[in-house]
C-alpha atoms as a PDB file:
ATOM      1  CA  MET A   1      75.395 -64.063  65.621  1.00  0.00           C
ATOM      2  CA  ILE A   2      78.054 -61.812  67.128  1.00  0.00           C
ATOM      3  CA  GLU A   3      79.705 -59.464  64.626  1.00  0.00           C
ATOM      4  CA  LEU A   4      81.568 -57.180  67.015  1.00  0.00           C
ATOM      5  CA  ALA A   5      83.257 -57.696  70.385  1.00  0.00           C
ATOM      6  CA  ILE A   6      84.181 -54.532  72.298  1.00  0.00           C
ATOM      7  CA  PHE A   7      86.636 -54.617  75.195  1.00  0.00           C
ATOM      8  CA  ASP A   8      87.687 -52.335  78.021  1.00  0.00           C
ATOM      9  CA  MET A   9      91.451 -51.988  78.459  1.00  0.00           C
ATOM     10  CA  ALA A  10      92.851 -51.760  82.037  1.00  0.00           C
ATOM     11  CA  SER A  11      92.254 -55.022  83.952  1.00  0.00           C
ATOM     12  CA  THR A  12      90.181 -56.437  81.073  1.00  0.00           C
ATOM     13  CA  THR A  13      92.690 -56.810  78.248  1.00  0.00           C
ATOM     14  CA  ILE A  14      95.827 -55.274  79.768  1.00  0.00           C
ATOM     15  CA  ASP A  15      97.681 -55.630  83.059  1.00  0.00           C
ATOM     16  CA  ASP A  16      98.774 -52.195  84.232  1.00  0.00           C
ATOM     17  CA  ARG A  17      99.442 -53.394  87.794  1.00  0.00           C
ATOM     18  CA  ASP A  18      96.478 -51.212  88.895  1.00  0.00           C
ATOM     19  CA  GLU A  19      98.638 -48.149  88.296  1.00  0.00           C
ATOM     20  CA  VAL A  20      95.774 -46.167  86.787  1.00  0.00           C
ATOM     21  CA  TYR A  21      93.816 -46.548  90.009  1.00  0.00           C
ATOM     22  CA  ARG A  22      96.828 -45.718  92.196  1.00  0.00           C
ATOM     23  CA  VAL A  23      97.447 -42.564  90.186  1.00  0.00           C
ATOM     24  CA  LEU A  24      93.758 -41.625  90.070  1.00  0.00           C
ATOM     25  CA  ARG A  25      93.409 -41.940  93.818  1.00  0.00           C
ATOM     26  CA  GLU A  26      96.657 -40.111  94.525  1.00  0.00           C
ATOM     27  CA  ALA A  27      95.689 -37.278  92.168  1.00  0.00           C
ATOM     28  CA  THR A  28      92.655 -36.550  94.334  1.00  0.00           C
ATOM     29  CA  GLU A  29      94.009 -37.387  97.787  1.00  0.00           C
ATOM     30  CA  ARG A  30      97.019 -35.091  97.318  1.00  0.00           C
ATOM     31  CA  GLU A  31      94.467 -32.275  96.960  1.00  0.00           C
ATOM     32  CA  GLY A  32      92.867 -33.214 100.275  1.00  0.00           C
ATOM     33  CA  ALA A  33      90.091 -35.595  99.178  1.00  0.00           C
ATOM     34  CA  ASP A  34      89.085 -38.296 101.660  1.00  0.00           C
ATOM     35  CA  TYR A  35      86.675 -41.080 100.646  1.00  0.00           C
ATOM     36  CA  SER A  36      86.128 -44.792 101.171  1.00  0.00           C
ATOM     37  CA  ASP A  37      87.262 -47.693  98.998  1.00  0.00           C
ATOM     38  CA  GLU A  38      83.596 -48.334  98.196  1.00  0.00           C
ATOM     39  CA  VAL A  39      83.152 -44.806  96.852  1.00  0.00           C
ATOM     40  CA  PHE A  40      86.343 -45.062  94.820  1.00  0.00           C
ATOM     41  CA  GLN A  41      85.323 -48.367  93.252  1.00  0.00           C
ATOM     42  CA  LYS A  42      82.216 -46.788  91.741  1.00  0.00           C
ATOM     43  CA  TRP A  43      84.438 -44.534  89.628  1.00  0.00           C
ATOM     44  CA  MET A  44      86.623 -47.294  88.223  1.00  0.00           C
ATOM     45  CA  GLY A  45      86.232 -47.568  84.469  1.00  0.00           C
ATOM     46  CA  THR A  46      84.839 -44.059  84.028  1.00  0.00           C
ATOM     47  CA  GLU A  47      86.441 -41.206  82.080  1.00  0.00           C
ATOM     48  CA  LYS A  48      89.306 -40.033  84.233  1.00  0.00           C
ATOM     49  CA  LYS A  49      88.980 -36.237  84.164  1.00  0.00           C
ATOM     50  CA  TRP A  50      85.315 -36.552  85.100  1.00  0.00           C
ATOM     51  CA  ALA A  51      86.212 -39.082  87.791  1.00  0.00           C
ATOM     52  CA  ILE A  52      88.789 -36.727  89.298  1.00  0.00           C
ATOM     53  CA  GLU A  53      86.249 -33.899  89.581  1.00  0.00           C
ATOM     54  CA  ASN A  54      83.663 -36.127  91.223  1.00  0.00           C
ATOM     55  CA  LEU A  55      86.099 -37.831  93.592  1.00  0.00           C
ATOM     56  CA  LEU A  56      87.388 -34.450  94.725  1.00  0.00           C
ATOM     57  CA  ARG A  57      83.845 -33.297  95.510  1.00  0.00           C
ATOM     58  CA  LEU A  58      82.894 -36.572  97.172  1.00  0.00           C
ATOM     59  CA  GLY A  59      86.093 -36.334  99.184  1.00  0.00           C
ATOM     60  CA  GLY A  60      85.071 -33.004 100.650  1.00  0.00           C
ATOM     61  CA  VAL A  61      87.125 -30.694  98.425  1.00  0.00           C
ATOM     62  CA  GLU A  62      85.650 -27.465  97.075  1.00  0.00           C
ATOM     63  CA  VAL A  63      86.502 -27.770  93.380  1.00  0.00           C
ATOM     64  CA  ASP A  64      87.180 -24.867  91.061  1.00  0.00           C
ATOM     65  CA  ALA A  65      88.536 -24.936  87.519  1.00  0.00           C
ATOM     66  CA  GLU A  66      92.131 -24.275  88.598  1.00  0.00           C
ATOM     67  CA  LEU A  67      92.223 -27.060  91.185  1.00  0.00           C
ATOM     68  CA  HIS A  68      90.526 -29.517  88.820  1.00  0.00           C
ATOM     69  CA  GLU A  69      93.017 -28.758  86.056  1.00  0.00           C
ATOM     70  CA  ARG A  70      95.965 -29.065  88.461  1.00  0.00           C
ATOM     71  CA  ALA A  71      94.812 -32.502  89.633  1.00  0.00           C
ATOM     72  CA  TRP A  72      94.155 -33.600  86.039  1.00  0.00           C
ATOM     73  CA  GLU A  73      97.586 -32.467  84.826  1.00  0.00           C
ATOM     74  CA  TRP A  74      99.290 -34.287  87.692  1.00  0.00           C
ATOM     75  CA  PHE A  75      97.317 -37.425  86.837  1.00  0.00           C
ATOM     76  CA  ARG A  76      98.292 -37.211  83.143  1.00  0.00           C
ATOM     77  CA  GLN A  77     101.974 -36.667  83.820  1.00  0.00           C
ATOM     78  CA  GLU A  78     102.256 -39.322  86.532  1.00  0.00           C
ATOM     79  CA  LEU A  79     100.401 -41.929  84.459  1.00  0.00           C
ATOM     80  CA  ARG A  80     102.583 -41.202  81.430  1.00  0.00           C
ATOM     81  CA  ARG A  81     105.699 -41.507  83.598  1.00  0.00           C
ATOM     82  CA  THR A  82     104.754 -44.830  85.183  1.00  0.00           C
ATOM     83  CA  TYR A  83     103.538 -46.341  81.909  1.00  0.00           C
ATOM     84  CA  THR A  84     106.758 -45.252  80.184  1.00  0.00           C
ATOM     85  CA  ASP A  85     108.994 -46.625  82.944  1.00  0.00           C
ATOM     86  CA  ASN A  86     107.050 -49.886  83.310  1.00  0.00           C
ATOM     87  CA  PRO A  87     104.667 -50.396  80.367  1.00  0.00           C
ATOM     88  CA  PRO A  88     101.435 -52.369  80.747  1.00  0.00           C
ATOM     89  CA  LYS A  89     101.327 -55.859  79.297  1.00  0.00           C
ATOM     90  CA  PRO A  90      98.543 -57.919  77.742  1.00  0.00           C
ATOM     91  CA  LEU A  91      96.799 -60.164  80.255  1.00  0.00           C
ATOM     92  CA  PRO A  92      97.481 -63.897  79.723  1.00  0.00           C
ATOM     93  CA  GLY A  93      95.783 -65.340  76.647  1.00  0.00           C
ATOM     94  CA  ILE A  94      94.318 -62.019  75.520  1.00  0.00           C
ATOM     95  CA  GLU A  95      96.244 -61.569  72.282  1.00  0.00           C
ATOM     96  CA  GLU A  96      95.417 -65.139  71.258  1.00  0.00           C
ATOM     97  CA  ALA A  97      91.716 -64.534  72.023  1.00  0.00           C
ATOM     98  CA  LEU A  98      91.610 -61.335  69.965  1.00  0.00           C
ATOM     99  CA  THR A  99      93.331 -63.105  67.083  1.00  0.00           C
ATOM    100  CA  THR A 100      90.856 -65.991  67.255  1.00  0.00           C
ATOM    101  CA  LEU A 101      87.878 -63.633  67.213  1.00  0.00           C
ATOM    102  CA  ARG A 102      89.181 -61.749  64.191  1.00  0.00           C
ATOM    103  CA  GLU A 103      89.934 -65.024  62.388  1.00  0.00           C
ATOM    104  CA  GLN A 104      86.311 -65.999  63.009  1.00  0.00           C
ATOM    105  CA  GLY A 105      85.183 -62.810  61.283  1.00  0.00           C
ATOM    106  CA  ILE A 106      84.285 -60.985  64.498  1.00  0.00           C
ATOM    107  CA  LYS A 107      85.471 -57.392  64.599  1.00  0.00           C
ATOM    108  CA  VAL A 108      87.349 -56.232  67.698  1.00  0.00           C
ATOM    109  CA  GLY A 109      86.921 -52.818  69.306  1.00  0.00           C
ATOM    110  CA  LEU A 110      88.579 -51.265  72.346  1.00  0.00           C
ATOM    111  CA  THR A 111      87.112 -48.640  74.659  1.00  0.00           C
ATOM    112  CA  THR A 112      88.765 -46.954  77.604  1.00  0.00           C
ATOM    113  CA  GLY A 113      88.409 -44.222  80.186  1.00  0.00           C
ATOM    114  CA  PHE A 114      91.973 -43.221  79.278  1.00  0.00           C
ATOM    115  CA  ALA A 115      92.589 -40.134  77.165  1.00  0.00           C
ATOM    116  CA  ARG A 116      93.748 -40.854  73.609  1.00  0.00           C
ATOM    117  CA  GLU A 117      97.334 -39.868  74.419  1.00  0.00           C
ATOM    118  CA  ILE A 118      97.545 -42.571  77.103  1.00  0.00           C
ATOM    119  CA  ALA A 119      95.766 -45.213  75.017  1.00  0.00           C
ATOM    120  CA  ASP A 120      98.177 -44.617  72.133  1.00  0.00           C
ATOM    121  CA  LEU A 121     101.138 -44.829  74.520  1.00  0.00           C
ATOM    122  CA  ILE A 122      99.881 -48.221  75.714  1.00  0.00           C
ATOM    123  CA  PHE A 123      99.252 -49.483  72.188  1.00  0.00           C
ATOM    124  CA  ALA A 124     102.757 -48.483  71.113  1.00  0.00           C
ATOM    125  CA  SER A 125     104.417 -50.051  74.156  1.00  0.00           C
ATOM    126  CA  MET A 126     102.649 -53.381  73.542  1.00  0.00           C
ATOM    127  CA  GLY A 127     102.959 -53.338  69.766  1.00  0.00           C
ATOM    128  CA  TRP A 128      99.180 -53.303  69.273  1.00  0.00           C
ATOM    129  CA  LYS A 129      98.123 -51.814  65.949  1.00  0.00           C
ATOM    130  CA  GLN A 130      94.752 -50.950  64.492  1.00  0.00           C
ATOM    131  CA  SER A 131      93.762 -53.326  61.687  1.00  0.00           C
ATOM    132  CA  GLU A 132      96.215 -55.898  63.070  1.00  0.00           C
ATOM    133  CA  THR A 133      95.404 -56.399  66.773  1.00  0.00           C
ATOM    134  CA  PHE A 134      92.054 -54.591  66.824  1.00  0.00           C
ATOM    135  CA  ASP A 135      89.756 -52.848  64.350  1.00  0.00           C
ATOM    136  CA  ALA A 136      88.751 -49.613  66.093  1.00  0.00           C
ATOM    137  CA  SER A 137      89.024 -47.825  69.431  1.00  0.00           C
ATOM    138  CA  SER A 138      87.327 -45.024  71.335  1.00  0.00           C
ATOM    139  CA  CYS A 139      88.621 -43.058  74.321  1.00  0.00           C
ATOM    140  CA  GLY A 140      86.892 -41.184  77.108  1.00  0.00           C
ATOM    141  CA  ASP A 141      88.104 -37.771  75.957  1.00  0.00           C
ATOM    142  CA  GLU A 142      86.726 -38.279  72.444  1.00  0.00           C
ATOM    143  CA  VAL A 143      83.032 -38.614  73.282  1.00  0.00           C
ATOM    144  CA  GLU A 144      80.371 -36.421  74.864  1.00  0.00           C
ATOM    145  CA  ALA A 145      80.435 -38.553  78.026  1.00  0.00           C
ATOM    146  CA  GLY A 146      82.465 -41.578  79.023  1.00  0.00           C
ATOM    147  CA  ARG A 147      81.176 -44.669  80.796  1.00  0.00           C
ATOM    148  CA  PRO A 148      78.603 -45.421  82.128  1.00  0.00           C
ATOM    149  CA  ALA A 149      77.173 -43.534  79.127  1.00  0.00           C
ATOM    150  CA  PRO A 150      77.008 -45.711  75.994  1.00  0.00           C
ATOM    151  CA  HIS A 151      78.801 -43.308  73.654  1.00  0.00           C
ATOM    152  CA  MET A 152      82.131 -45.147  73.290  1.00  0.00           C
ATOM    153  CA  ILE A 153      80.358 -48.382  72.376  1.00  0.00           C
ATOM    154  CA  GLU A 154      78.168 -46.515  69.905  1.00  0.00           C
ATOM    155  CA  THR A 155      81.227 -44.784  68.421  1.00  0.00           C
ATOM    156  CA  VAL A 156      83.008 -48.093  67.794  1.00  0.00           C
ATOM    157  CA  MET A 157      79.843 -49.545  66.239  1.00  0.00           C
ATOM    158  CA  GLU A 158      79.579 -46.540  63.933  1.00  0.00           C
ATOM    159  CA  LYS A 159      83.258 -46.710  62.949  1.00  0.00           C
ATOM    160  CA  LEU A 160      82.923 -50.382  62.028  1.00  0.00           C
ATOM    161  CA  GLY A 161      79.544 -50.159  60.371  1.00  0.00           C
ATOM    162  CA  VAL A 162      77.729 -52.437  62.821  1.00  0.00           C
ATOM    163  CA  GLU A 163      74.145 -51.314  63.403  1.00  0.00           C
ATOM    164  CA  ASP A 164      72.496 -54.363  64.988  1.00  0.00           C
ATOM    165  CA  THR A 165      72.915 -54.143  68.778  1.00  0.00           C
ATOM    166  CA  ALA A 166      72.036 -57.844  69.025  1.00  0.00           C
ATOM    167  CA  ALA A 167      75.262 -58.571  67.132  1.00  0.00           C
ATOM    168  CA  VAL A 168      77.481 -56.790  69.676  1.00  0.00           C
ATOM    169  CA  VAL A 169      79.030 -57.924  72.947  1.00  0.00           C
ATOM    170  CA  SER A 170      80.805 -55.549  75.333  1.00  0.00           C
ATOM    171  CA  VAL A 171      83.324 -56.915  77.836  1.00  0.00           C
ATOM    172  CA  GLY A 172      84.708 -55.233  80.951  1.00  0.00           C
ATOM    173  CA  ASP A 173      85.762 -55.570  84.581  1.00  0.00           C
ATOM    174  CA  THR A 174      83.803 -52.734  86.225  1.00  0.00           C
ATOM    175  CA  SER A 175      80.263 -51.684  87.053  1.00  0.00           C
ATOM    176  CA  ALA A 176      80.635 -48.803  84.589  1.00  0.00           C
ATOM    177  CA  ASP A 177      81.406 -51.316  81.818  1.00  0.00           C
ATOM    178  CA  VAL A 178      78.205 -53.235  82.506  1.00  0.00           C
ATOM    179  CA  GLN A 179      76.030 -50.144  82.718  1.00  0.00           C
ATOM    180  CA  SER A 180      77.510 -48.737  79.509  1.00  0.00           C
ATOM    181  CA  ALA A 181      76.698 -51.973  77.680  1.00  0.00           C
ATOM    182  CA  LEU A 182      73.145 -52.097  79.005  1.00  0.00           C
ATOM    183  CA  ARG A 183      72.516 -48.485  78.034  1.00  0.00           C
ATOM    184  CA  ALA A 184      73.822 -49.217  74.534  1.00  0.00           C
ATOM    185  CA  GLY A 185      71.475 -52.205  74.327  1.00  0.00           C
ATOM    186  CA  VAL A 186      74.269 -54.728  73.717  1.00  0.00           C
ATOM    187  CA  ALA A 187      75.215 -57.931  75.518  1.00  0.00           C
ATOM    188  CA  SER A 188      77.321 -57.344  78.635  1.00  0.00           C
ATOM    189  CA  VAL A 189      80.081 -59.737  79.718  1.00  0.00           C
ATOM    190  CA  GLY A 190      81.896 -59.216  83.010  1.00  0.00           C
ATOM    191  CA  VAL A 191      85.387 -60.591  83.561  1.00  0.00           C
ATOM    192  CA  LEU A 192      86.895 -61.441  86.940  1.00  0.00           C
ATOM    193  CA  THR A 193      90.336 -59.981  86.195  1.00  0.00           C
ATOM    194  CA  GLY A 194      89.493 -56.718  87.991  1.00  0.00           C
ATOM    195  CA  HIS A 195      87.997 -55.996  91.402  1.00  0.00           C
ATOM    196  CA  LEU A 196      84.401 -57.241  91.077  1.00  0.00           C
ATOM    197  CA  SER A 197      83.097 -60.684  92.022  1.00  0.00           C
ATOM    198  CA  ARG A 198      80.677 -62.880  90.097  1.00  0.00           C
ATOM    199  CA  ASP A 199      77.925 -61.794  92.490  1.00  0.00           C
ATOM    200  CA  ASP A 200      78.778 -58.139  91.850  1.00  0.00           C
ATOM    201  CA  PHE A 201      78.416 -58.595  88.102  1.00  0.00           C
ATOM    202  CA  GLU A 202      75.173 -60.510  88.419  1.00  0.00           C
ATOM    203  CA  ALA A 203      73.773 -57.745  90.621  1.00  0.00           C
ATOM    204  CA  GLU A 204      74.755 -55.195  87.966  1.00  0.00           C
ATOM    205  CA  GLY A 205      72.859 -57.153  85.312  1.00  0.00           C
ATOM    206  CA  ALA A 206      75.709 -58.621  83.258  1.00  0.00           C
ATOM    207  CA  HIS A 207      74.466 -61.275  80.844  1.00  0.00           C
ATOM    208  CA  LEU A 208      77.523 -63.499  81.298  1.00  0.00           C
ATOM    209  CA  VAL A 209      80.480 -63.607  83.700  1.00  0.00           C
ATOM    210  CA  LEU A 210      83.819 -65.148  82.706  1.00  0.00           C
ATOM    211  CA  GLU A 211      87.153 -65.730  84.396  1.00  0.00           C
ATOM    212  CA  SER A 212      88.966 -63.861  81.631  1.00  0.00           C
ATOM    213  CA  VAL A 213      88.703 -62.487  78.107  1.00  0.00           C
ATOM    214  CA  ALA A 214      90.963 -65.385  77.152  1.00  0.00           C
ATOM    215  CA  VAL A 215      87.983 -67.767  77.243  1.00  0.00           C
ATOM    216  CA  LEU A 216      85.543 -65.494  75.408  1.00  0.00           C
ATOM    217  CA  PRO A 217      85.835 -67.105  71.944  1.00  0.00           C
ATOM    218  CA  ASP A 218      84.651 -70.437  73.341  1.00  0.00           C
ATOM    219  CA  ALA A 219      82.031 -68.820  75.586  1.00  0.00           C
ATOM    220  CA  LEU A 220      80.098 -66.751  73.043  1.00  0.00           C
ATOM    221  CA  ALA A 221      77.721 -69.645  72.505  1.00  0.00           C
ATOM    222  CA  ASP A 222      76.812 -69.416  76.213  1.00  0.00           C
ATOM    223  CA  LEU A 223      75.378 -65.907  75.922  1.00  0.00           C
ATOM    224  CA  PRO A 224      71.717 -66.198  76.953  1.00  0.00           C
ATOM    225  CA  ILE A 225      69.090 -65.402  74.360  1.00  0.00           C
ATOM    226  CA  ALA A 226      67.994 -62.485  76.507  1.00  0.00           C
ATOM    227  CA  ALA A 227      71.350 -60.844  75.854  1.00  0.00           C
ATOM    228  CA  SER A 228      70.350 -60.271  72.250  1.00  0.00           C
ATOM    229  CA  VAL A 229      67.375 -58.161  73.275  1.00  0.00           C
ATOM    230  CA  PRO A 230      68.268 -54.435  73.505  1.00  0.00           C
ATOM    231  CA  VAL A 231      68.075 -53.027  77.035  1.00  0.00           C
ATOM    232  CA  ASN A 232      67.824 -49.257  76.834  1.00  0.00           C
ATOM    233  CA  GLN A 233      68.097 -47.381  80.107  1.00  0.00           C
END
């Protein structure tokens, strides 16, 4: 039985108009990085400061601490500006789904590659509050390593006192979300509200693929038995 459902934020539970990816890409390209869409997609969902460093290197830029910090600061300021001017909104049906899960006794956690300052800005702009909309959250700058490492999932489990990995489902829209779930040994659900297809998720090893988080409460019964078996990688 599922006790805890953990969700990614951008393109999984919130609609930010893909601004985080525009800003991430611009933060590296303005420093001279040049890479393909395929390369960029692999860094979606990961912790953003780490992603910036890697995208700069992959884009042919010789990275030192000063350049990395300059790109990171530009990213932070530009993302704060765009989210303040035009705040993200919950994706359709998401708030109702989270409410339904909590009414069913399932705890709700949120994880994100955003830094805490950006996550809190989003929560405030949407009126989402801990203990009302969700039960706990973990951000990429608060753990040893962000996705695809399992640490944010493990942090939320620890905060909420859930020890049984078979009682946890993790939901996201990126490859990094799936790999993080598998490494944590919890069930992985992919949602088609981002940039991956059903085939992409199945190739990554997701246990279940849904159109949206909005249908998750009714779909939990469809999780295959295999999803309850820890997969440690």
